[in-house]
Amino acid sequence: MKAYERAGFRAAGTLREAGYWLGQVCDELVMDALARDFTGPSAVRALVDPERG
């Protein structure tokens, strides 16, 4: 979860008792990120089209 947060993702919700961990029922956390949350240059665009990066 911390790695996702450092990458810019945020918690979007919890799916209660939606999964299993070590044979036990557990909740699943849903995380998301929106393009508008990332205002800097695009690393992907720079690789695909260096002039627009």
PDB file of N, CA and C in Angstrom:
ATOM      1  N   MET A   1       0.827  -1.183   0.000  1.00  0.00           N
ATOM      2  CA  MET A   1       0.000   0.000   0.000  1.00  0.00           C
ATOM      3  C   MET A   1       0.877   1.254   0.000  1.00  0.00           C
ATOM      4  N   LYS A   2       1.930   1.245   0.785  1.00  0.00           N
ATOM      5  CA  LYS A   2       2.817   2.424   0.833  1.00  0.00           C
ATOM      6  C   LYS A   2       3.476   2.682  -0.514  1.00  0.00           C
ATOM      7  N   ALA A   3       3.841   1.630  -1.225  1.00  0.00           N
ATOM      8  CA  ALA A   3       4.457   1.809  -2.540  1.00  0.00           C
ATOM      9  C   ALA A   3       3.475   2.462  -3.502  1.00  0.00           C
ATOM     10  N   TYR A   4       2.215   2.041  -3.464  1.00  0.00           N
ATOM     11  CA  TYR A   4       1.200   2.661  -4.318  1.00  0.00           C
ATOM     12  C   TYR A   4       1.010   4.131  -3.947  1.00  0.00           C
ATOM     13  N   GLU A   5       0.974   4.436  -2.650  1.00  0.00           N
ATOM     14  CA  GLU A   5       0.812   5.829  -2.223  1.00  0.00           C
ATOM     15  C   GLU A   5       1.989   6.679  -2.685  1.00  0.00           C
ATOM     16  N   ARG A   6       3.206   6.155  -2.585  1.00  0.00           N
ATOM     17  CA  ARG A   6       4.383   6.905  -3.050  1.00  0.00           C
ATOM     18  C   ARG A   6       4.336   7.139  -4.551  1.00  0.00           C
ATOM     19  N   ALA A   7       3.656   6.243  -5.277  1.00  0.00           N
ATOM     20  CA  ALA A   7       3.534   6.389  -6.735  1.00  0.00           C
ATOM     21  C   ALA A   7       2.391   7.312  -7.123  1.00  0.00           C
ATOM     22  N   GLY A   8       1.624   7.809  -6.144  1.00  0.00           N
ATOM     23  CA  GLY A   8       0.558   8.763  -6.437  1.00  0.00           C
ATOM     24  C   GLY A   8      -0.850   8.201  -6.372  1.00  0.00           C
ATOM     25  N   PHE A   9      -0.983   6.931  -6.020  1.00  0.00           N
ATOM     26  CA  PHE A   9      -2.318   6.336  -5.911  1.00  0.00           C
ATOM     27  C   PHE A   9      -2.945   6.711  -4.576  1.00  0.00           C
ATOM     28  N   ARG A  10      -4.275   6.680  -4.535  1.00  0.00           N
ATOM     29  CA  ARG A  10      -5.032   6.965  -3.303  1.00  0.00           C
ATOM     30  C   ARG A  10      -6.039   5.853  -3.070  1.00  0.00           C
ATOM     31  N   ALA A  11      -6.380   5.657  -1.811  1.00  0.00           N
ATOM     32  CA  ALA A  11      -7.406   4.664  -1.486  1.00  0.00           C
ATOM     33  C   ALA A  11      -8.737   5.132  -2.053  1.00  0.00           C
ATOM     34  N   ALA A  12      -9.421   4.247  -2.773  1.00  0.00           N
ATOM     35  CA  ALA A  12     -10.703   4.585  -3.392  1.00  0.00           C
ATOM     36  C   ALA A  12     -11.864   3.892  -2.681  1.00  0.00           C
ATOM     37  N   GLY A  13     -11.575   2.830  -1.973  1.00  0.00           N
ATOM     38  CA  GLY A  13     -12.638   2.119  -1.274  1.00  0.00           C
ATOM     39  C   GLY A  13     -12.165   0.771  -0.779  1.00  0.00           C
ATOM     40  N   THR A  14     -13.030   0.109  -0.053  1.00  0.00           N
ATOM     41  CA  THR A  14     -12.732  -1.203   0.511  1.00  0.00           C
ATOM     42  C   THR A  14     -13.824  -2.182   0.121  1.00  0.00           C
ATOM     43  N   LEU A  15     -13.415  -3.330  -0.381  1.00  0.00           N
ATOM     44  CA  LEU A  15     -14.346  -4.410  -0.672  1.00  0.00           C
ATOM     45  C   LEU A  15     -14.302  -5.343   0.535  1.00  0.00           C
ATOM     46  N   ARG A  16     -15.336  -5.298   1.335  1.00  0.00           N
ATOM     47  CA  ARG A  16     -15.349  -6.057   2.584  1.00  0.00           C
ATOM     48  C   ARG A  16     -15.472  -7.555   2.322  1.00  0.00           C
ATOM     49  N   GLU A  17     -14.610  -8.306   2.979  1.00  0.00           N
ATOM     50  CA  GLU A  17     -14.590  -9.767   2.899  1.00  0.00           C
ATOM     51  C   GLU A  17     -14.587 -10.261   1.449  1.00  0.00           C
ATOM     52  N   ALA A  18     -13.797  -9.608   0.610  1.00  0.00           N
ATOM     53  CA  ALA A  18     -13.785  -9.934  -0.816  1.00  0.00           C
ATOM     54  C   ALA A  18     -12.635 -10.860  -1.209  1.00  0.00           C
ATOM     55  N   GLY A  19     -11.736 -11.147  -0.295  1.00  0.00           N
ATOM     56  CA  GLY A  19     -10.589 -11.971  -0.651  1.00  0.00           C
ATOM     57  C   GLY A  19     -10.180 -12.893   0.472  1.00  0.00           C
ATOM     58  N   TYR A  20      -9.097 -13.615   0.213  1.00  0.00           N
ATOM     59  CA  TYR A  20      -8.553 -14.548   1.200  1.00  0.00           C
ATOM     60  C   TYR A  20      -7.063 -14.303   1.340  1.00  0.00           C
ATOM     61  N   TRP A  21      -6.552 -14.386   2.549  1.00  0.00           N
ATOM     62  CA  TRP A  21      -5.124 -14.284   2.827  1.00  0.00           C
ATOM     63  C   TRP A  21      -4.775 -15.375   3.820  1.00  0.00           C
ATOM     64  N   LEU A  22      -3.923 -16.275   3.388  1.00  0.00           N
ATOM     65  CA  LEU A  22      -3.511 -17.404   4.232  1.00  0.00           C
ATOM     66  C   LEU A  22      -4.711 -18.189   4.751  1.00  0.00           C
ATOM     67  N   GLY A  23      -5.694 -18.375   3.892  1.00  0.00           N
ATOM     68  CA  GLY A  23      -6.875 -19.154   4.237  1.00  0.00           C
ATOM     69  C   GLY A  23      -7.934 -18.417   5.032  1.00  0.00           C
ATOM     70  N   GLN A  24      -7.714 -17.153   5.294  1.00  0.00           N
ATOM     71  CA  GLN A  24      -8.672 -16.354   6.068  1.00  0.00           C
ATOM     72  C   GLN A  24      -9.342 -15.321   5.174  1.00  0.00           C
ATOM     73  N   VAL A  25     -10.610 -15.080   5.412  1.00  0.00           N
ATOM     74  CA  VAL A  25     -11.331 -14.039   4.676  1.00  0.00           C
ATOM     75  C   VAL A  25     -10.738 -12.684   5.068  1.00  0.00           C
ATOM     76  N   CYS A  26     -10.546 -11.817   4.083  1.00  0.00           N
ATOM     77  CA  CYS A  26     -10.023 -10.481   4.366  1.00  0.00           C
ATOM     78  C   CYS A  26     -10.655  -9.456   3.431  1.00  0.00           C
ATOM     79  N   ASP A  27     -10.506  -8.201   3.781  1.00  0.00           N
ATOM     80  CA  ASP A  27     -10.979  -7.096   2.942  1.00  0.00           C
ATOM     81  C   ASP A  27      -9.956  -6.831   1.838  1.00  0.00           C
ATOM     82  N   GLU A  28     -10.406  -6.238   0.739  1.00  0.00           N
ATOM     83  CA  GLU A  28      -9.510  -5.812  -0.329  1.00  0.00           C
ATOM     84  C   GLU A  28      -9.611  -4.299  -0.462  1.00  0.00           C
ATOM     85  N   LEU A  29      -8.471  -3.660  -0.499  1.00  0.00           N
ATOM     86  CA  LEU A  29      -8.414  -2.217  -0.665  1.00  0.00           C
ATOM     87  C   LEU A  29      -8.282  -1.898  -2.144  1.00  0.00           C
ATOM     88  N   VAL A  30      -9.128  -1.005  -2.643  1.00  0.00           N
ATOM     89  CA  VAL A  30      -9.079  -0.563  -4.042  1.00  0.00           C
ATOM     90  C   VAL A  30      -8.384   0.796  -4.061  1.00  0.00           C
ATOM     91  N   MET A  31      -7.365   0.914  -4.921  1.00  0.00           N
ATOM     92  CA  MET A  31      -6.641   2.178  -5.034  1.00  0.00           C
ATOM     93  C   MET A  31      -6.714   2.642  -6.480  1.00  0.00           C
ATOM     94  N   ASP A  32      -6.693   3.969  -6.668  1.00  0.00           N
ATOM     95  CA  ASP A  32      -6.729   4.495  -8.023  1.00  0.00           C
ATOM     96  C   ASP A  32      -5.891   5.758  -8.128  1.00  0.00           C
ATOM     97  N   ALA A  33      -5.665   6.172  -9.354  1.00  0.00           N
ATOM     98  CA  ALA A  33      -4.949   7.410  -9.645  1.00  0.00           C
ATOM     99  C   ALA A  33      -5.573   8.019 -10.890  1.00  0.00           C
ATOM    100  N   LEU A  34      -5.734   9.315 -10.862  1.00  0.00           N
ATOM    101  CA  LEU A  34      -6.301  10.031 -12.005  1.00  0.00           C
ATOM    102  C   LEU A  34      -5.200  10.801 -12.718  1.00  0.00           C
ATOM    103  N   ALA A  35      -5.325  10.919 -14.012  1.00  0.00           N
ATOM    104  CA  ALA A  35      -4.323  11.635 -14.803  1.00  0.00           C
ATOM    105  C   ALA A  35      -4.143  13.063 -14.300  1.00  0.00           C
ATOM    106  N   ARG A  36      -5.224  13.694 -13.868  1.00  0.00           N
ATOM    107  CA  ARG A  36      -5.116  15.096 -13.428  1.00  0.00           C
ATOM    108  C   ARG A  36      -4.310  15.248 -12.130  1.00  0.00           C
ATOM    109  N   ASP A  37      -4.076  14.129 -11.413  1.00  0.00           N
ATOM    110  CA  ASP A  37      -3.265  14.173 -10.198  1.00  0.00           C
ATOM    111  C   ASP A  37      -1.775  14.283 -10.513  1.00  0.00           C
ATOM    112  N   PHE A  38      -1.398  14.045 -11.765  1.00  0.00           N
ATOM    113  CA  PHE A  38      -0.002  14.058 -12.166  1.00  0.00           C
ATOM    114  C   PHE A  38       0.231  15.245 -13.083  1.00  0.00           C
ATOM    115  N   THR A  39       0.789  16.308 -12.537  1.00  0.00           N
ATOM    116  CA  THR A  39       0.921  17.561 -13.281  1.00  0.00           C
ATOM    117  C   THR A  39       2.274  17.716 -13.970  1.00  0.00           C
ATOM    118  N   GLY A  40       3.234  16.872 -13.626  1.00  0.00           N
ATOM    119  CA  GLY A  40       4.568  16.994 -14.205  1.00  0.00           C
ATOM    120  C   GLY A  40       4.649  16.377 -15.590  1.00  0.00           C
ATOM    121  N   PRO A  41       5.849  16.362 -16.144  1.00  0.00           N
ATOM    122  CA  PRO A  41       6.035  15.769 -17.468  1.00  0.00           C
ATOM    123  C   PRO A  41       5.789  14.264 -17.437  1.00  0.00           C
ATOM    124  N   SER A  42       5.372  13.728 -18.541  1.00  0.00           N
ATOM    125  CA  SER A  42       5.072  12.312 -18.660  1.00  0.00           C
ATOM    126  C   SER A  42       6.315  11.532 -19.059  1.00  0.00           C
ATOM    127  N   ALA A  43       6.721  10.577 -18.235  1.00  0.00           N
ATOM    128  CA  ALA A  43       7.864   9.725 -18.560  1.00  0.00           C
ATOM    129  C   ALA A  43       7.536   8.835 -19.745  1.00  0.00           C
ATOM    130  N   VAL A  44       6.304   8.389 -19.851  1.00  0.00           N
ATOM    131  CA  VAL A  44       5.895   7.529 -20.961  1.00  0.00           C
ATOM    132  C   VAL A  44       5.886   8.322 -22.256  1.00  0.00           C
ATOM    133  N   ARG A  45       5.287   9.502 -22.243  1.00  0.00           N
ATOM    134  CA  ARG A  45       5.240  10.322 -23.452  1.00  0.00           C
ATOM    135  C   ARG A  45       6.654  10.669 -23.919  1.00  0.00           C
ATOM    136  N   ALA A  46       7.564  10.918 -22.994  1.00  0.00           N
ATOM    137  CA  ALA A  46       8.945  11.245 -23.356  1.00  0.00           C
ATOM    138  C   ALA A  46       9.615  10.077 -24.077  1.00  0.00           C
ATOM    139  N   LEU A  47       9.258   8.848 -23.708  1.00  0.00           N
ATOM    140  CA  LEU A  47       9.823   7.681 -24.379  1.00  0.00           C
ATOM    141  C   LEU A  47       9.216   7.480 -25.765  1.00  0.00           C
ATOM    142  N   VAL A  48       7.917   7.727 -25.891  1.00  0.00           N
ATOM    143  CA  VAL A  48       7.214   7.494 -27.146  1.00  0.00           C
ATOM    144  C   VAL A  48       7.443   8.645 -28.131  1.00  0.00           C
ATOM    145  N   ASP A  49       7.384   9.866 -27.636  1.00  0.00           N
ATOM    146  CA  ASP A  49       7.531  11.055 -28.490  1.00  0.00           C
ATOM    147  C   ASP A  49       8.392  12.073 -27.748  1.00  0.00           C
ATOM    148  N   PRO A  50       9.713  11.981 -27.851  1.00  0.00           N
ATOM    149  CA  PRO A  50      10.624  12.848 -27.083  1.00  0.00           C
ATOM    150  C   PRO A  50      10.370  14.343 -27.258  1.00  0.00           C
ATOM    151  N   GLU A  51       9.825  14.765 -28.385  1.00  0.00           N
ATOM    152  CA  GLU A  51       9.572  16.193 -28.609  1.00  0.00           C
ATOM    153  C   GLU A  51       8.433  16.717 -27.732  1.00  0.00           C
ATOM    154  N   ARG A  52       7.492  15.832 -27.363  1.00  0.00           N
ATOM    155  CA  ARG A  52       6.341  16.261 -26.553  1.00  0.00           C
ATOM    156  C   ARG A  52       6.562  16.016 -25.071  1.00  0.00           C
ATOM    157  N   GLY A  53       7.541  15.167 -24.668  1.00  0.00           N
ATOM    158  CA  GLY A  53       7.796  14.754 -23.293  1.00  0.00           C
ATOM    159  C   GLY A  53       7.668  15.844 -22.325  1.00  0.00           C
TER     160      GLY A  53
END
